[in-house]
């Protein structure tokens, strides 16, 4: 090897885990830098992905929704089906029919 390259790393600053709801509130208020979020059962989440805090916020909101669905606490009344039959535009139906045909 012609030359040596020395890499110096700094360990991640470990912050005390915050709750799911607290983390969402902090990120929404612009104070979410360096969060360590306690998801329960020994799992934590951080903003270390390529989408940063915005990606973490999206994952945390999804996690909160899944917890609410699993516990039965979610209000699903606005998602109840409509009584009327589903109306599909003829041009859209033509595309759907063409897509479902086998070659």
PDB file of N, CA and C in Angstrom:
ATOM      1  N   UNK A   1       0.831  -1.171   0.000  1.00  0.00           N
ATOM      2  CA  UNK A   1       0.000   0.000   0.000  1.00  0.00           C
ATOM      3  C   UNK A   1       0.886   1.248   0.000  1.00  0.00           C
ATOM      4  N   UNK A   2       0.617   2.157  -0.888  1.00  0.00           N
ATOM      5  CA  UNK A   2       1.448   3.350  -1.041  1.00  0.00           C
ATOM      6  C   UNK A   2       1.335   4.279   0.157  1.00  0.00           C
ATOM      7  N   UNK A   3       0.159   4.464   0.649  1.00  0.00           N
ATOM      8  CA  UNK A   3      -0.024   5.378   1.778  1.00  0.00           C
ATOM      9  C   UNK A   3      -1.131   4.875   2.674  1.00  0.00           C
ATOM     10  N   UNK A   4      -1.102   5.318   3.869  1.00  0.00           N
ATOM     11  CA  UNK A   4      -2.136   4.904   4.812  1.00  0.00           C
ATOM     12  C   UNK A   4      -3.161   6.022   4.967  1.00  0.00           C
ATOM     13  N   UNK A   5      -4.377   5.617   5.040  1.00  0.00           N
ATOM     14  CA  UNK A   5      -5.460   6.565   5.285  1.00  0.00           C
ATOM     15  C   UNK A   5      -6.015   6.270   6.670  1.00  0.00           C
ATOM     16  N   UNK A   6      -5.966   7.240   7.501  1.00  0.00           N
ATOM     17  CA  UNK A   6      -6.492   7.074   8.845  1.00  0.00           C
ATOM     18  C   UNK A   6      -7.896   7.651   8.919  1.00  0.00           C
ATOM     19  N   UNK A   7      -8.798   6.851   9.393  1.00  0.00           N
ATOM     20  CA  UNK A   7     -10.173   7.313   9.578  1.00  0.00           C
ATOM     21  C   UNK A   7     -10.420   7.538  11.052  1.00  0.00           C
ATOM     22  N   UNK A   8     -10.933   8.655  11.346  1.00  0.00           N
ATOM     23  CA  UNK A   8     -11.312   8.938  12.723  1.00  0.00           C
ATOM     24  C   UNK A   8     -12.820   9.005  12.786  1.00  0.00           C
ATOM     25  N   UNK A   9     -13.353   8.248  13.683  1.00  0.00           N
ATOM     26  CA  UNK A   9     -14.804   8.235  13.828  1.00  0.00           C
ATOM     27  C   UNK A   9     -15.179   8.757  15.199  1.00  0.00           C
ATOM     28  N   UNK A  10     -16.349   9.317  15.235  1.00  0.00           N
ATOM     29  CA  UNK A  10     -16.889   9.770  16.506  1.00  0.00           C
ATOM     30  C   UNK A  10     -18.126   8.938  16.794  1.00  0.00           C
ATOM     31  N   UNK A  11     -18.203   8.379  17.989  1.00  0.00           N
ATOM     32  CA  UNK A  11     -19.387   7.578  18.307  1.00  0.00           C
ATOM     33  C   UNK A  11     -20.638   8.443  18.330  1.00  0.00           C
ATOM     34  N   UNK A  12     -21.749   7.816  17.985  1.00  0.00           N
ATOM     35  CA  UNK A  12     -23.023   8.527  18.055  1.00  0.00           C
ATOM     36  C   UNK A  12     -23.290   8.939  19.495  1.00  0.00           C
ATOM     37  N   UNK A  13     -23.761  10.135  19.639  1.00  0.00           N
ATOM     38  CA  UNK A  13     -24.128  10.569  20.983  1.00  0.00           C
ATOM     39  C   UNK A  13     -25.412   9.851  21.371  1.00  0.00           C
ATOM     40  N   UNK A  14     -25.330   9.123  22.435  1.00  0.00           N
ATOM     41  CA  UNK A  14     -26.481   8.365  22.901  1.00  0.00           C
ATOM     42  C   UNK A  14     -27.364   9.281  23.739  1.00  0.00           C
ATOM     43  N   UNK A  15     -28.581   9.456  23.305  1.00  0.00           N
ATOM     44  CA  UNK A  15     -29.526  10.266  24.059  1.00  0.00           C
ATOM     45  C   UNK A  15     -30.550   9.347  24.699  1.00  0.00           C
ATOM     46  N   UNK A  16     -31.139   9.784  25.761  1.00  0.00           N
ATOM     47  CA  UNK A  16     -32.160   8.983  26.435  1.00  0.00           C
ATOM     48  C   UNK A  16     -33.349   8.804  25.497  1.00  0.00           C
ATOM     49  N   UNK A  17     -33.878   7.598  25.412  1.00  0.00           N
ATOM     50  CA  UNK A  17     -35.032   7.372  24.531  1.00  0.00           C
ATOM     51  C   UNK A  17     -36.249   8.169  24.973  1.00  0.00           C
ATOM     52  N   UNK A  18     -36.977   8.664  23.985  1.00  0.00           N
ATOM     53  CA  UNK A  18     -38.237   9.371  24.263  1.00  0.00           C
ATOM     54  C   UNK A  18     -39.387   8.526  23.745  1.00  0.00           C
ATOM     55  N   UNK A  19     -40.567   8.788  24.242  1.00  0.00           N
ATOM     56  CA  UNK A  19     -41.749   8.025  23.840  1.00  0.00           C
ATOM     57  C   UNK A  19     -42.142   8.355  22.410  1.00  0.00           C
ATOM     58  N   UNK A  20     -42.964   7.514  21.849  1.00  0.00           N
ATOM     59  CA  UNK A  20     -43.428   7.682  20.473  1.00  0.00           C
ATOM     60  C   UNK A  20     -44.153   9.010  20.282  1.00  0.00           C
ATOM     61  N   UNK A  21     -45.118   9.297  21.127  1.00  0.00           N
ATOM     62  CA  UNK A  21     -45.885  10.545  20.996  1.00  0.00           C
ATOM     63  C   UNK A  21     -45.014  11.774  21.226  1.00  0.00           C
ATOM     64  N   UNK A  22     -44.094  11.683  22.185  1.00  0.00           N
ATOM     65  CA  UNK A  22     -43.198  12.800  22.453  1.00  0.00           C
ATOM     66  C   UNK A  22     -42.269  13.049  21.258  1.00  0.00           C
ATOM     67  N   UNK A  23     -41.785  11.975  20.654  1.00  0.00           N
ATOM     68  CA  UNK A  23     -40.894  12.111  19.497  1.00  0.00           C
ATOM     69  C   UNK A  23     -41.616  12.768  18.327  1.00  0.00           C
ATOM     70  N   UNK A  24     -42.840  12.355  18.068  1.00  0.00           N
ATOM     71  CA  UNK A  24     -43.609  12.945  16.975  1.00  0.00           C
ATOM     72  C   UNK A  24     -43.820  14.433  17.226  1.00  0.00           C
ATOM     73  N   UNK A  25     -44.173  14.782  18.459  1.00  0.00           N
ATOM     74  CA  UNK A  25     -44.382  16.197  18.800  1.00  0.00           C
ATOM     75  C   UNK A  25     -43.092  17.000  18.637  1.00  0.00           C
ATOM     76  N   UNK A  26     -41.968  16.436  19.056  1.00  0.00           N
ATOM     77  CA  UNK A  26     -40.684  17.143  18.934  1.00  0.00           C
ATOM     78  C   UNK A  26     -40.307  17.370  17.472  1.00  0.00           C
ATOM     79  N   UNK A  27     -40.469  16.344  16.645  1.00  0.00           N
ATOM     80  CA  UNK A  27     -40.115  16.482  15.221  1.00  0.00           C
ATOM     81  C   UNK A  27     -41.024  17.499  14.553  1.00  0.00           C
ATOM     82  N   UNK A  28     -42.320  17.435  14.851  1.00  0.00           N
ATOM     83  CA  UNK A  28     -43.270  18.374  14.251  1.00  0.00           C
ATOM     84  C   UNK A  28     -42.977  19.817  14.657  1.00  0.00           C
ATOM     85  N   UNK A  29     -42.394  20.011  15.833  1.00  0.00           N
ATOM     86  CA  UNK A  29     -42.072  21.367  16.280  1.00  0.00           C
ATOM     87  C   UNK A  29     -40.661  21.791  15.876  1.00  0.00           C
ATOM     88  N   UNK A  30     -39.958  20.934  15.124  1.00  0.00           N
ATOM     89  CA  UNK A  30     -38.626  21.279  14.635  1.00  0.00           C
ATOM     90  C   UNK A  30     -37.508  21.032  15.624  1.00  0.00           C
ATOM     91  N   UNK A  31     -37.757  20.230  16.652  1.00  0.00           N
ATOM     92  CA  UNK A  31     -36.752  19.981  17.686  1.00  0.00           C
ATOM     93  C   UNK A  31     -36.342  18.510  17.735  1.00  0.00           C
ATOM     94  N   UNK A  32     -36.352  17.828  16.611  1.00  0.00           N
ATOM     95  CA  UNK A  32     -36.131  16.388  16.626  1.00  0.00           C
ATOM     96  C   UNK A  32     -34.724  15.918  16.357  1.00  0.00           C
ATOM     97  N   UNK A  33     -33.774  16.810  16.304  1.00  0.00           N
ATOM     98  CA  UNK A  33     -32.402  16.432  15.981  1.00  0.00           C
ATOM     99  C   UNK A  33     -31.823  15.493  17.040  1.00  0.00           C
ATOM    100  N   UNK A  34     -31.264  14.358  16.617  1.00  0.00           N
ATOM    101  CA  UNK A  34     -30.599  13.422  17.517  1.00  0.00           C
ATOM    102  C   UNK A  34     -31.519  12.582  18.376  1.00  0.00           C
ATOM    103  N   UNK A  35     -32.769  12.428  17.966  1.00  0.00           N
ATOM    104  CA  UNK A  35     -33.722  11.671  18.780  1.00  0.00           C
ATOM    105  C   UNK A  35     -33.421  10.183  18.782  1.00  0.00           C
ATOM    106  N   UNK A  36     -33.681   9.567  19.898  1.00  0.00           N
ATOM    107  CA  UNK A  36     -33.647   8.128  20.069  1.00  0.00           C
ATOM    108  C   UNK A  36     -35.040   7.772  20.574  1.00  0.00           C
ATOM    109  N   UNK A  37     -35.841   7.112  19.730  1.00  0.00           N
ATOM    110  CA  UNK A  37     -37.256   6.888  20.030  1.00  0.00           C
ATOM    111  C   UNK A  37     -37.474   5.463  20.518  1.00  0.00           C
ATOM    112  N   UNK A  38     -38.103   5.331  21.673  1.00  0.00           N
ATOM    113  CA  UNK A  38     -38.427   4.028  22.237  1.00  0.00           C
ATOM    114  C   UNK A  38     -39.720   3.519  21.604  1.00  0.00           C
ATOM    115  N   UNK A  39     -39.624   2.415  20.849  1.00  0.00           N
ATOM    116  CA  UNK A  39     -40.794   1.835  20.194  1.00  0.00           C
ATOM    117  C   UNK A  39     -41.408   0.703  21.006  1.00  0.00           C
ATOM    118  N   UNK A  40     -40.783   0.359  22.107  1.00  0.00           N
ATOM    119  CA  UNK A  40     -41.267  -0.729  22.947  1.00  0.00           C
ATOM    120  C   UNK A  40     -40.550  -2.034  22.633  1.00  0.00           C
ATOM    121  N   UNK A  41     -40.595  -2.960  23.555  1.00  0.00           N
ATOM    122  CA  UNK A  41     -39.967  -4.275  23.412  1.00  0.00           C
ATOM    123  C   UNK A  41     -38.483  -4.191  23.077  1.00  0.00           C
ATOM    124  N   UNK A  42     -37.804  -3.179  23.580  1.00  0.00           N
ATOM    125  CA  UNK A  42     -36.373  -3.036  23.352  1.00  0.00           C
ATOM    126  C   UNK A  42     -35.984  -2.481  21.992  1.00  0.00           C
ATOM    127  N   UNK A  43     -36.956  -2.057  21.198  1.00  0.00           N
ATOM    128  CA  UNK A  43     -36.679  -1.505  19.867  1.00  0.00           C
ATOM    129  C   UNK A  43     -36.632   0.016  19.929  1.00  0.00           C
ATOM    130  N   UNK A  44     -35.704   0.580  19.176  1.00  0.00           N
ATOM    131  CA  UNK A  44     -35.604   2.035  19.091  1.00  0.00           C
ATOM    132  C   UNK A  44     -35.525   2.443  17.633  1.00  0.00           C
ATOM    133  N   UNK A  45     -35.769   3.707  17.369  1.00  0.00           N
ATOM    134  CA  UNK A  45     -35.687   4.250  16.008  1.00  0.00           C
ATOM    135  C   UNK A  45     -34.920   5.559  16.050  1.00  0.00           C
ATOM    136  N   UNK A  46     -34.204   5.825  14.968  1.00  0.00           N
ATOM    137  CA  UNK A  46     -33.435   7.063  14.827  1.00  0.00           C
ATOM    138  C   UNK A  46     -33.611   7.591  13.406  1.00  0.00           C
ATOM    139  N   UNK A  47     -33.214   8.831  13.219  1.00  0.00           N
ATOM    140  CA  UNK A  47     -33.281   9.455  11.895  1.00  0.00           C
ATOM    141  C   UNK A  47     -31.962   9.236  11.169  1.00  0.00           C
ATOM    142  N   UNK A  48     -31.584   7.982  10.951  1.00  0.00           N
ATOM    143  CA  UNK A  48     -30.312   7.715  10.307  1.00  0.00           C
ATOM    144  C   UNK A  48     -30.461   7.260   8.858  1.00  0.00           C
ATOM    145  N   UNK A  49     -31.666   7.275   8.330  1.00  0.00           N
ATOM    146  CA  UNK A  49     -31.885   6.919   6.934  1.00  0.00           C
ATOM    147  C   UNK A  49     -31.634   8.102   6.017  1.00  0.00           C
ATOM    148  N   UNK A  50     -31.729   7.860   4.720  1.00  0.00           N
ATOM    149  CA  UNK A  50     -31.457   8.930   3.757  1.00  0.00           C
ATOM    150  C   UNK A  50     -32.525  10.023   3.767  1.00  0.00           C
ATOM    151  N   UNK A  51     -33.690   9.752   4.340  1.00  0.00           N
ATOM    152  CA  UNK A  51     -34.743  10.766   4.402  1.00  0.00           C
ATOM    153  C   UNK A  51     -34.711  11.556   5.703  1.00  0.00           C
ATOM    154  N   UNK A  52     -33.805  11.234   6.600  1.00  0.00           N
ATOM    155  CA  UNK A  52     -33.611  12.017   7.820  1.00  0.00           C
ATOM    156  C   UNK A  52     -34.836  12.087   8.704  1.00  0.00           C
ATOM    157  N   UNK A  53     -35.047  13.256   9.278  1.00  0.00           N
ATOM    158  CA  UNK A  53     -36.148  13.449  10.218  1.00  0.00           C
ATOM    159  C   UNK A  53     -37.511  13.276   9.564  1.00  0.00           C
ATOM    160  N   UNK A  54     -37.627  13.681   8.314  1.00  0.00           N
ATOM    161  CA  UNK A  54     -38.915  13.531   7.614  1.00  0.00           C
ATOM    162  C   UNK A  54     -39.269  12.047   7.476  1.00  0.00           C
ATOM    163  N   UNK A  55     -38.279  11.228   7.158  1.00  0.00           N
ATOM    164  CA  UNK A  55     -38.512   9.787   7.064  1.00  0.00           C
ATOM    165  C   UNK A  55     -38.843   9.178   8.411  1.00  0.00           C
ATOM    166  N   UNK A  56     -38.138   9.626   9.454  1.00  0.00           N
ATOM    167  CA  UNK A  56     -38.424   9.131  10.795  1.00  0.00           C
ATOM    168  C   UNK A  56     -39.837   9.506  11.221  1.00  0.00           C
ATOM    169  N   UNK A  57     -40.235  10.732  10.949  1.00  0.00           N
ATOM    170  CA  UNK A  57     -41.589  11.175  11.300  1.00  0.00           C
ATOM    171  C   UNK A  57     -42.634  10.311  10.609  1.00  0.00           C
ATOM    172  N   UNK A  58     -42.417  10.019   9.343  1.00  0.00           N
ATOM    173  CA  UNK A  58     -43.364   9.180   8.602  1.00  0.00           C
ATOM    174  C   UNK A  58     -43.427   7.778   9.208  1.00  0.00           C
ATOM    175  N   UNK A  59     -42.277   7.206   9.555  1.00  0.00           N
ATOM    176  CA  UNK A  59     -42.251   5.871  10.150  1.00  0.00           C
ATOM    177  C   UNK A  59     -42.925   5.865  11.517  1.00  0.00           C
ATOM    178  N   UNK A  60     -42.696   6.912  12.300  1.00  0.00           N
ATOM    179  CA  UNK A  60     -43.300   6.975  13.635  1.00  0.00           C
ATOM    180  C   UNK A  60     -44.813   7.124  13.552  1.00  0.00           C
ATOM    181  N   UNK A  61     -45.291   7.936  12.624  1.00  0.00           N
ATOM    182  CA  UNK A  61     -46.750   8.073  12.462  1.00  0.00           C
ATOM    183  C   UNK A  61     -47.363   6.746  12.027  1.00  0.00           C
ATOM    184  N   UNK A  62     -46.693   6.050  11.130  1.00  0.00           N
ATOM    185  CA  UNK A  62     -47.180   4.738  10.703  1.00  0.00           C
ATOM    186  C   UNK A  62     -47.174   3.739  11.845  1.00  0.00           C
ATOM    187  N   UNK A  63     -46.123   3.768  12.654  1.00  0.00           N
ATOM    188  CA  UNK A  63     -46.032   2.862  13.803  1.00  0.00           C
ATOM    189  C   UNK A  63     -47.155   3.151  14.795  1.00  0.00           C
ATOM    190  N   UNK A  64     -47.421   4.425  15.047  1.00  0.00           N
ATOM    191  CA  UNK A  64     -48.506   4.797  15.955  1.00  0.00           C
ATOM    192  C   UNK A  64     -49.852   4.315  15.414  1.00  0.00           C
ATOM    193  N   UNK A  65     -50.049   4.435  14.101  1.00  0.00           N
ATOM    194  CA  UNK A  65     -51.306   3.986  13.507  1.00  0.00           C
ATOM    195  C   UNK A  65     -51.448   2.467  13.631  1.00  0.00           C
ATOM    196  N   UNK A  66     -50.360   1.726  13.403  1.00  0.00           N
ATOM    197  CA  UNK A  66     -50.423   0.274  13.520  1.00  0.00           C
ATOM    198  C   UNK A  66     -50.711  -0.157  14.959  1.00  0.00           C
ATOM    199  N   UNK A  67     -50.134   0.545  15.923  1.00  0.00           N
ATOM    200  CA  UNK A  67     -50.419   0.241  17.323  1.00  0.00           C
ATOM    201  C   UNK A  67     -51.890   0.482  17.643  1.00  0.00           C
ATOM    202  N   UNK A  68     -52.442   1.578  17.123  1.00  0.00           N
ATOM    203  CA  UNK A  68     -53.859   1.888  17.360  1.00  0.00           C
ATOM    204  C   UNK A  68     -54.755   0.838  16.708  1.00  0.00           C
ATOM    205  N   UNK A  69     -54.401   0.411  15.508  1.00  0.00           N
ATOM    206  CA  UNK A  69     -55.187  -0.623  14.827  1.00  0.00           C
ATOM    207  C   UNK A  69     -55.119  -1.943  15.582  1.00  0.00           C
ATOM    208  N   UNK A  70     -53.930  -2.299  16.058  1.00  0.00           N
ATOM    209  CA  UNK A  70     -53.752  -3.561  16.766  1.00  0.00           C
ATOM    210  C   UNK A  70     -54.497  -3.575  18.100  1.00  0.00           C
ATOM    211  N   UNK A  71     -54.594  -2.431  18.749  1.00  0.00           N
ATOM    212  CA  UNK A  71     -55.259  -2.376  20.050  1.00  0.00           C
ATOM    213  C   UNK A  71     -56.765  -2.175  19.931  1.00  0.00           C
ATOM    214  N   UNK A  72     -57.242  -1.869  18.734  1.00  0.00           N
ATOM    215  CA  UNK A  72     -58.669  -1.618  18.546  1.00  0.00           C
ATOM    216  C   UNK A  72     -59.066  -0.198  18.887  1.00  0.00           C
ATOM    217  N   UNK A  73     -58.089   0.662  19.145  1.00  0.00           N
ATOM    218  CA  UNK A  73     -58.381   2.038  19.540  1.00  0.00           C
ATOM    219  C   UNK A  73     -58.547   2.977  18.351  1.00  0.00           C
ATOM    220  N   UNK A  74     -58.299   2.491  17.151  1.00  0.00           N
ATOM    221  CA  UNK A  74     -58.378   3.356  15.969  1.00  0.00           C
ATOM    222  C   UNK A  74     -59.833   3.610  15.595  1.00  0.00           C
ATOM    223  N   UNK A  75     -60.131   4.843  15.220  1.00  0.00           N
ATOM    224  CA  UNK A  75     -61.469   5.211  14.768  1.00  0.00           C
ATOM    225  C   UNK A  75     -61.530   4.990  13.265  1.00  0.00           C
ATOM    226  N   UNK A  76     -62.206   3.929  12.847  1.00  0.00           N
ATOM    227  CA  UNK A  76     -62.283   3.583  11.429  1.00  0.00           C
ATOM    228  C   UNK A  76     -63.610   3.987  10.804  1.00  0.00           C
ATOM    229  N   UNK A  77     -64.397   4.800  11.503  1.00  0.00           N
ATOM    230  CA  UNK A  77     -65.730   5.151  11.016  1.00  0.00           C
ATOM    231  C   UNK A  77     -65.691   5.882   9.681  1.00  0.00           C
ATOM    232  N   UNK A  78     -64.667   6.669   9.444  1.00  0.00           N
ATOM    233  CA  UNK A  78     -64.621   7.410   8.180  1.00  0.00           C
ATOM    234  C   UNK A  78     -64.244   6.517   7.004  1.00  0.00           C
ATOM    235  N   UNK A  79     -63.849   5.267   7.269  1.00  0.00           N
ATOM    236  CA  UNK A  79     -63.462   4.356   6.197  1.00  0.00           C
ATOM    237  C   UNK A  79     -64.539   3.336   5.858  1.00  0.00           C
ATOM    238  N   UNK A  80     -65.695   3.476   6.460  1.00  0.00           N
ATOM    239  CA  UNK A  80     -66.772   2.533   6.174  1.00  0.00           C
ATOM    240  C   UNK A  80     -67.152   2.636   4.704  1.00  0.00           C
ATOM    241  N   UNK A  81     -67.554   1.500   4.145  1.00  0.00           N
ATOM    242  CA  UNK A  81     -67.899   1.434   2.735  1.00  0.00           C
ATOM    243  C   UNK A  81     -69.110   2.275   2.377  1.00  0.00           C
ATOM    244  N   UNK A  82     -69.149   2.656   1.117  1.00  0.00           N
ATOM    245  CA  UNK A  82     -70.289   3.424   0.627  1.00  0.00           C
ATOM    246  C   UNK A  82     -71.411   2.473   0.259  1.00  0.00           C
ATOM    247  N   UNK A  83     -72.639   2.947   0.348  1.00  0.00           N
ATOM    248  CA  UNK A  83     -73.792   2.134  -0.026  1.00  0.00           C
ATOM    249  C   UNK A  83     -73.961   2.069  -1.535  1.00  0.00           C
ATOM    250  N   UNK A  84     -73.500   3.085  -2.245  1.00  0.00           N
ATOM    251  CA  UNK A  84     -73.665   3.130  -3.694  1.00  0.00           C
ATOM    252  C   UNK A  84     -72.644   2.218  -4.373  1.00  0.00           C
ATOM    253  N   UNK A  85     -73.001   1.770  -5.560  1.00  0.00           N
ATOM    254  CA  UNK A  85     -72.091   0.925  -6.330  1.00  0.00           C
ATOM    255  C   UNK A  85     -70.918   1.770  -6.819  1.00  0.00           C
ATOM    256  N   UNK A  86     -69.792   1.143  -6.959  1.00  0.00           N
ATOM    257  CA  UNK A  86     -68.598   1.824  -7.427  1.00  0.00           C
ATOM    258  C   UNK A  86     -68.754   2.166  -8.907  1.00  0.00           C
ATOM    259  N   UNK A  87     -68.523   3.417  -9.254  1.00  0.00           N
ATOM    260  CA  UNK A  87     -68.632   3.863 -10.641  1.00  0.00           C
ATOM    261  C   UNK A  87     -67.226   4.046 -11.211  1.00  0.00           C
ATOM    262  N   UNK A  88     -66.939   3.364 -12.315  1.00  0.00           N
ATOM    263  CA  UNK A  88     -65.635   3.460 -12.961  1.00  0.00           C
ATOM    264  C   UNK A  88     -65.835   4.100 -14.324  1.00  0.00           C
ATOM    265  N   UNK A  89     -65.052   5.109 -14.604  1.00  0.00           N
ATOM    266  CA  UNK A  89     -65.100   5.777 -15.895  1.00  0.00           C
ATOM    267  C   UNK A  89     -64.819   4.753 -17.002  1.00  0.00           C
ATOM    268  N   UNK A  90     -65.551   4.804 -18.105  1.00  0.00           N
ATOM    269  CA  UNK A  90     -65.347   3.828 -19.183  1.00  0.00           C
ATOM    270  C   UNK A  90     -63.909   3.773 -19.708  1.00  0.00           C
ATOM    271  N   UNK A  91     -63.229   4.912 -19.798  1.00  0.00           N
ATOM    272  CA  UNK A  91     -61.841   4.898 -20.261  1.00  0.00           C
ATOM    273  C   UNK A  91     -60.926   4.186 -19.259  1.00  0.00           C
ATOM    274  N   UNK A  92     -61.196   4.374 -17.987  1.00  0.00           N
ATOM    275  CA  UNK A  92     -60.417   3.692 -16.956  1.00  0.00           C
ATOM    276  C   UNK A  92     -60.704   2.197 -17.008  1.00  0.00           C
ATOM    277  N   UNK A  93     -61.966   1.824 -17.199  1.00  0.00           N
ATOM    278  CA  UNK A  93     -62.327   0.418 -17.287  1.00  0.00           C
ATOM    279  C   UNK A  93     -61.636  -0.246 -18.476  1.00  0.00           C
ATOM    280  N   UNK A  94     -61.525   0.467 -19.578  1.00  0.00           N
ATOM    281  CA  UNK A  94     -60.836  -0.062 -20.764  1.00  0.00           C
ATOM    282  C   UNK A  94     -59.364  -0.358 -20.441  1.00  0.00           C
ATOM    283  N   UNK A  95     -58.729   0.540 -19.712  1.00  0.00           N
ATOM    284  CA  UNK A  95     -57.326   0.335 -19.316  1.00  0.00           C
ATOM    285  C   UNK A  95     -57.207  -0.854 -18.372  1.00  0.00           C
ATOM    286  N   UNK A  96     -58.116  -0.954 -17.406  1.00  0.00           N
ATOM    287  CA  UNK A  96     -58.082  -2.072 -16.470  1.00  0.00           C
ATOM    288  C   UNK A  96     -58.302  -3.399 -17.177  1.00  0.00           C
ATOM    289  N   UNK A  97     -59.248  -3.422 -18.129  1.00  0.00           N
ATOM    290  CA  UNK A  97     -59.501  -4.648 -18.880  1.00  0.00           C
ATOM    291  C   UNK A  97     -58.277  -5.060 -19.702  1.00  0.00           C
ATOM    292  N   UNK A  98     -57.649  -4.067 -20.328  1.00  0.00           N
ATOM    293  CA  UNK A  98     -56.464  -4.355 -21.148  1.00  0.00           C
ATOM    294  C   UNK A  98     -55.310  -4.860 -20.282  1.00  0.00           C
ATOM    295  N   UNK A  99     -55.174  -4.301 -19.102  1.00  0.00           N
ATOM    296  CA  UNK A  99     -54.073  -4.704 -18.212  1.00  0.00           C
ATOM    297  C   UNK A  99     -54.270  -6.107 -17.683  1.00  0.00           C
ATOM    298  N   UNK A 100     -55.510  -6.537 -17.541  1.00  0.00           N
ATOM    299  CA  UNK A 100     -55.774  -7.851 -16.974  1.00  0.00           C
ATOM    300  C   UNK A 100     -55.763  -8.972 -18.010  1.00  0.00           C
ATOM    301  N   UNK A 101     -55.736  -8.619 -19.312  1.00  0.00           N
ATOM    302  CA  UNK A 101     -55.690  -9.639 -20.353  1.00  0.00           C
ATOM    303  C   UNK A 101     -54.323 -10.262 -20.442  1.00  0.00           C
ATOM    304  N   UNK A 102     -54.309 -11.566 -20.660  1.00  0.00           N
ATOM    305  CA  UNK A 102     -53.031 -12.264 -20.812  1.00  0.00           C
ATOM    306  C   UNK A 102     -52.663 -12.304 -22.282  1.00  0.00           C
ATOM    307  N   UNK A 103     -51.349 -12.229 -22.530  1.00  0.00           N
ATOM    308  CA  UNK A 103     -50.879 -12.274 -23.915  1.00  0.00           C
ATOM    309  C   UNK A 103     -51.086 -13.626 -24.535  1.00  0.00           C
TER     310      UNK A 103
END
